C-alpha atoms as a PDB file:
ATOM      1  CA  GLN A   1     191.105  10.115 111.583  1.00  0.00           C
ATOM      2  CA  VAL A   2     190.286  13.753 112.189  1.00  0.00           C
ATOM      3  CA  GLN A   3     189.661  14.767 115.787  1.00  0.00           C
ATOM      4  CA  LEU A   4     188.732  18.142 117.198  1.00  0.00           C
ATOM      5  CA  VAL A   5     188.873  18.515 120.957  1.00  0.00           C
ATOM      6  CA  GLU A   6     187.498  21.642 122.597  1.00  0.00           C
ATOM      7  CA  SER A   7     188.341  22.866 126.061  1.00  0.00           C
ATOM      8  CA  GLY A   8     188.044  25.984 128.181  1.00  0.00           C
ATOM      9  CA  GLY A   9     184.314  26.249 128.726  1.00  0.00           C
ATOM     10  CA  GLY A  10     182.796  26.979 132.098  1.00  0.00           C
ATOM     11  CA  LEU A  11     180.700  29.306 134.203  1.00  0.00           C
ATOM     12  CA  VAL A  12     181.433  33.025 134.199  1.00  0.00           C
ATOM     13  CA  GLN A  13     179.631  36.157 135.317  1.00  0.00           C
ATOM     14  CA  THR A  14     178.317  38.792 132.955  1.00  0.00           C
ATOM     15  CA  GLY A  15     181.178  40.926 131.708  1.00  0.00           C
ATOM     16  CA  GLY A  16     183.725  38.205 132.274  1.00  0.00           C
ATOM     17  CA  SER A  17     186.021  36.422 129.856  1.00  0.00           C
ATOM     18  CA  LEU A  18     186.781  32.897 128.752  1.00  0.00           C
ATOM     19  CA  ARG A  19     189.204  31.411 126.274  1.00  0.00           C
ATOM     20  CA  LEU A  20     188.224  28.331 124.341  1.00  0.00           C
ATOM     21  CA  SER A  21     190.740  26.069 122.648  1.00  0.00           C
ATOM     22  CA  CYS A  22     190.288  23.516 119.900  1.00  0.00           C
ATOM     23  CA  ALA A  23     193.099  21.070 119.255  1.00  0.00           C
ATOM     24  CA  ALA A  24     192.967  19.443 115.834  1.00  0.00           C
ATOM     25  CA  SER A  25     194.613  16.180 114.843  1.00  0.00           C
ATOM     26  CA  GLY A  26     194.538  13.977 111.775  1.00  0.00           C
ATOM     27  CA  LEU A  27     194.490  16.852 109.315  1.00  0.00           C
ATOM     28  CA  ILE A  28     196.888  19.276 107.678  1.00  0.00           C
ATOM     29  CA  PHE A  29     195.929  22.390 109.601  1.00  0.00           C
ATOM     30  CA  SER A  30     196.981  24.889 106.938  1.00  0.00           C
ATOM     31  CA  ARG A  31     194.668  23.291 104.355  1.00  0.00           C
ATOM     32  CA  TYR A  32     191.553  23.756 106.458  1.00  0.00           C
ATOM     33  CA  HIS A  33     189.610  26.681 107.777  1.00  0.00           C
ATOM     34  CA  MET A  34     188.484  26.430 111.368  1.00  0.00           C
ATOM     35  CA  GLY A  35     185.289  27.730 112.827  1.00  0.00           C
ATOM     36  CA  TRP A  36     183.458  28.159 116.076  1.00  0.00           C
ATOM     37  CA  PHE A  37     179.717  27.691 116.280  1.00  0.00           C
ATOM     38  CA  ARG A  38     177.344  27.689 119.209  1.00  0.00           C
ATOM     39  CA  GLN A  39     173.943  26.324 120.016  1.00  0.00           C
ATOM     40  CA  ALA A  40     171.728  27.380 122.882  1.00  0.00           C
ATOM     41  CA  PRO A  41     168.804  25.239 124.103  1.00  0.00           C
ATOM     42  CA  GLY A  42     165.853  25.507 121.767  1.00  0.00           C
ATOM     43  CA  LYS A  43     167.784  27.569 119.229  1.00  0.00           C
ATOM     44  CA  GLU A  44     169.454  26.849 115.934  1.00  0.00           C
ATOM     45  CA  ARG A  45     173.186  26.515 115.634  1.00  0.00           C
ATOM     46  CA  GLU A  46     174.804  29.917 115.144  1.00  0.00           C
ATOM     47  CA  PHE A  47     178.035  30.862 113.407  1.00  0.00           C
ATOM     48  CA  VAL A  48     180.451  32.587 115.784  1.00  0.00           C
ATOM     49  CA  ALA A  49     183.811  32.999 114.088  1.00  0.00           C
ATOM     50  CA  GLU A  50     186.106  31.572 111.441  1.00  0.00           C
ATOM     51  CA  PHE A  51     189.881  31.404 110.994  1.00  0.00           C
ATOM     52  CA  TRP A  52     191.854  30.576 107.863  1.00  0.00           C
ATOM     53  CA  PRO A  53     195.347  29.385 108.876  1.00  0.00           C
ATOM     54  CA  ASN A  54     196.938  29.863 105.439  1.00  0.00           C
ATOM     55  CA  THR A  55     195.884  33.532 105.131  1.00  0.00           C
ATOM     56  CA  VAL A  56     195.210  34.370 108.796  1.00  0.00           C
ATOM     57  CA  ASN A  57     191.888  35.864 107.710  1.00  0.00           C
ATOM     58  CA  THR A  58     189.142  35.982 110.319  1.00  0.00           C
ATOM     59  CA  TYR A  59     185.383  36.401 110.141  1.00  0.00           C
ATOM     60  CA  TYR A  60     182.816  36.948 112.866  1.00  0.00           C
ATOM     61  CA  GLY A  61     179.117  36.661 113.451  1.00  0.00           C
ATOM     62  CA  ASN A  62     177.375  39.975 114.068  1.00  0.00           C
ATOM     63  CA  SER A  63     176.447  39.101 117.636  1.00  0.00           C
ATOM     64  CA  VAL A  64     180.083  38.680 118.730  1.00  0.00           C
ATOM     65  CA  LYS A  65     181.945  41.295 116.687  1.00  0.00           C
ATOM     66  CA  GLY A  66     184.114  43.476 118.868  1.00  0.00           C
ATOM     67  CA  ARG A  67     183.900  41.083 121.826  1.00  0.00           C
ATOM     68  CA  PHE A  68     185.297  37.773 120.558  1.00  0.00           C
ATOM     69  CA  THR A  69     188.620  37.129 118.861  1.00  0.00           C
ATOM     70  CA  ILE A  70     189.530  33.987 116.949  1.00  0.00           C
ATOM     71  CA  SER A  71     193.150  33.049 116.416  1.00  0.00           C
ATOM     72  CA  GLY A  72     195.237  30.041 115.598  1.00  0.00           C
ATOM     73  CA  ASP A  73     198.589  28.460 116.223  1.00  0.00           C
ATOM     74  CA  ASN A  74     199.675  26.531 113.151  1.00  0.00           C
ATOM     75  CA  ALA A  75     202.527  24.863 115.016  1.00  0.00           C
ATOM     76  CA  LYS A  76     200.108  23.461 117.588  1.00  0.00           C
ATOM     77  CA  ASN A  77     197.219  22.790 115.192  1.00  0.00           C
ATOM     78  CA  THR A  78     195.059  24.714 117.601  1.00  0.00           C
ATOM     79  CA  VAL A  79     192.463  27.429 117.190  1.00  0.00           C
ATOM     80  CA  TYR A  80     191.375  29.687 120.025  1.00  0.00           C
ATOM     81  CA  LEU A  81     188.346  31.794 120.779  1.00  0.00           C
ATOM     82  CA  GLN A  82     188.912  34.613 123.230  1.00  0.00           C
ATOM     83  CA  MET A  83     185.559  35.751 124.547  1.00  0.00           C
ATOM     84  CA  ASN A  84     185.342  39.067 126.380  1.00  0.00           C
ATOM     85  CA  SER A  85     182.449  41.113 127.741  1.00  0.00           C
ATOM     86  CA  LEU A  86     180.345  37.992 127.966  1.00  0.00           C
ATOM     87  CA  LYS A  87     176.583  38.280 128.177  1.00  0.00           C
ATOM     88  CA  PRO A  88     173.926  35.821 129.357  1.00  0.00           C
ATOM     89  CA  GLU A  89     172.850  35.430 125.731  1.00  0.00           C
ATOM     90  CA  ASP A  90     176.290  33.972 124.970  1.00  0.00           C
ATOM     91  CA  THR A  91     175.320  30.920 127.013  1.00  0.00           C
ATOM     92  CA  ALA A  92     175.486  27.896 124.723  1.00  0.00           C
ATOM     93  CA  VAL A  93     177.432  24.808 123.794  1.00  0.00           C
ATOM     94  CA  TYR A  94     180.340  25.947 121.669  1.00  0.00           C
ATOM     95  CA  TYR A  95     181.560  23.688 118.894  1.00  0.00           C
ATOM     96  CA  CYS A  96     184.766  23.726 116.914  1.00  0.00           C
ATOM     97  CA  ALA A  97     184.592  22.689 113.263  1.00  0.00           C
ATOM     98  CA  ALA A  98     186.936  22.192 110.327  1.00  0.00           C
ATOM     99  CA  ALA A  99     186.434  22.449 106.595  1.00  0.00           C
ATOM    100  CA  ILE A 100     188.868  22.020 103.750  1.00  0.00           C
ATOM    101  CA  GLY A 101     189.241  24.755 101.171  1.00  0.00           C
ATOM    102  CA  GLY A 102     185.948  26.405 100.317  1.00  0.00           C
ATOM    103  CA  HIS A 103     183.819  23.473 101.316  1.00  0.00           C
ATOM    104  CA  SER A 104     181.269  23.162 104.087  1.00  0.00           C
ATOM    105  CA  TYR A 105     182.280  22.195 107.577  1.00  0.00           C
ATOM    106  CA  GLU A 106     182.607  18.434 107.803  1.00  0.00           C
ATOM    107  CA  TYR A 107     184.409  17.755 111.061  1.00  0.00           C
ATOM    108  CA  TRP A 108     183.023  18.748 114.445  1.00  0.00           C
ATOM    109  CA  GLY A 109     184.184  18.570 118.025  1.00  0.00           C
ATOM    110  CA  GLN A 110     182.118  17.325 120.919  1.00  0.00           C
ATOM    111  CA  GLY A 111     181.364  20.802 122.222  1.00  0.00           C
ATOM    112  CA  THR A 112     182.101  22.687 125.411  1.00  0.00           C
ATOM    113  CA  GLN A 113     179.515  24.382 127.604  1.00  0.00           C
ATOM    114  CA  VAL A 114     179.737  28.103 128.252  1.00  0.00           C
ATOM    115  CA  THR A 115     177.370  29.536 130.832  1.00  0.00           C
ATOM    116  CA  VAL A 116     177.183  33.252 131.570  1.00  0.00           C
ATOM    117  CA  SER A 117     175.330  34.152 134.747  1.00  0.00           C
ATOM    118  CA  SER A 118     173.495  37.443 135.112  1.00  0.00           C
END
């Protein structure tokens, strides 16, 4: 059974930083690509970043480029999202997701709340 457990959310002031973690179990980490998405109240889910453990390639949404960094630890089956220079518009529930190969994301975590105060 695949499980994704996020942690690290919280309340931070504008310009601050947070680091999210997503611990994956029940899957072979190197065979999946891992992503972070977010959803703010009343808005659609938005792609944030993606990490491919087998190639270490990363991809980012336009709204977070240059501020967020996604990384992974294959030994710990964990993916991280370092968020710097946070803005109030970054406030959302952040979700970790996993997809095998080139397929769509099929496994999702429960989400962690990030709130950026102005």
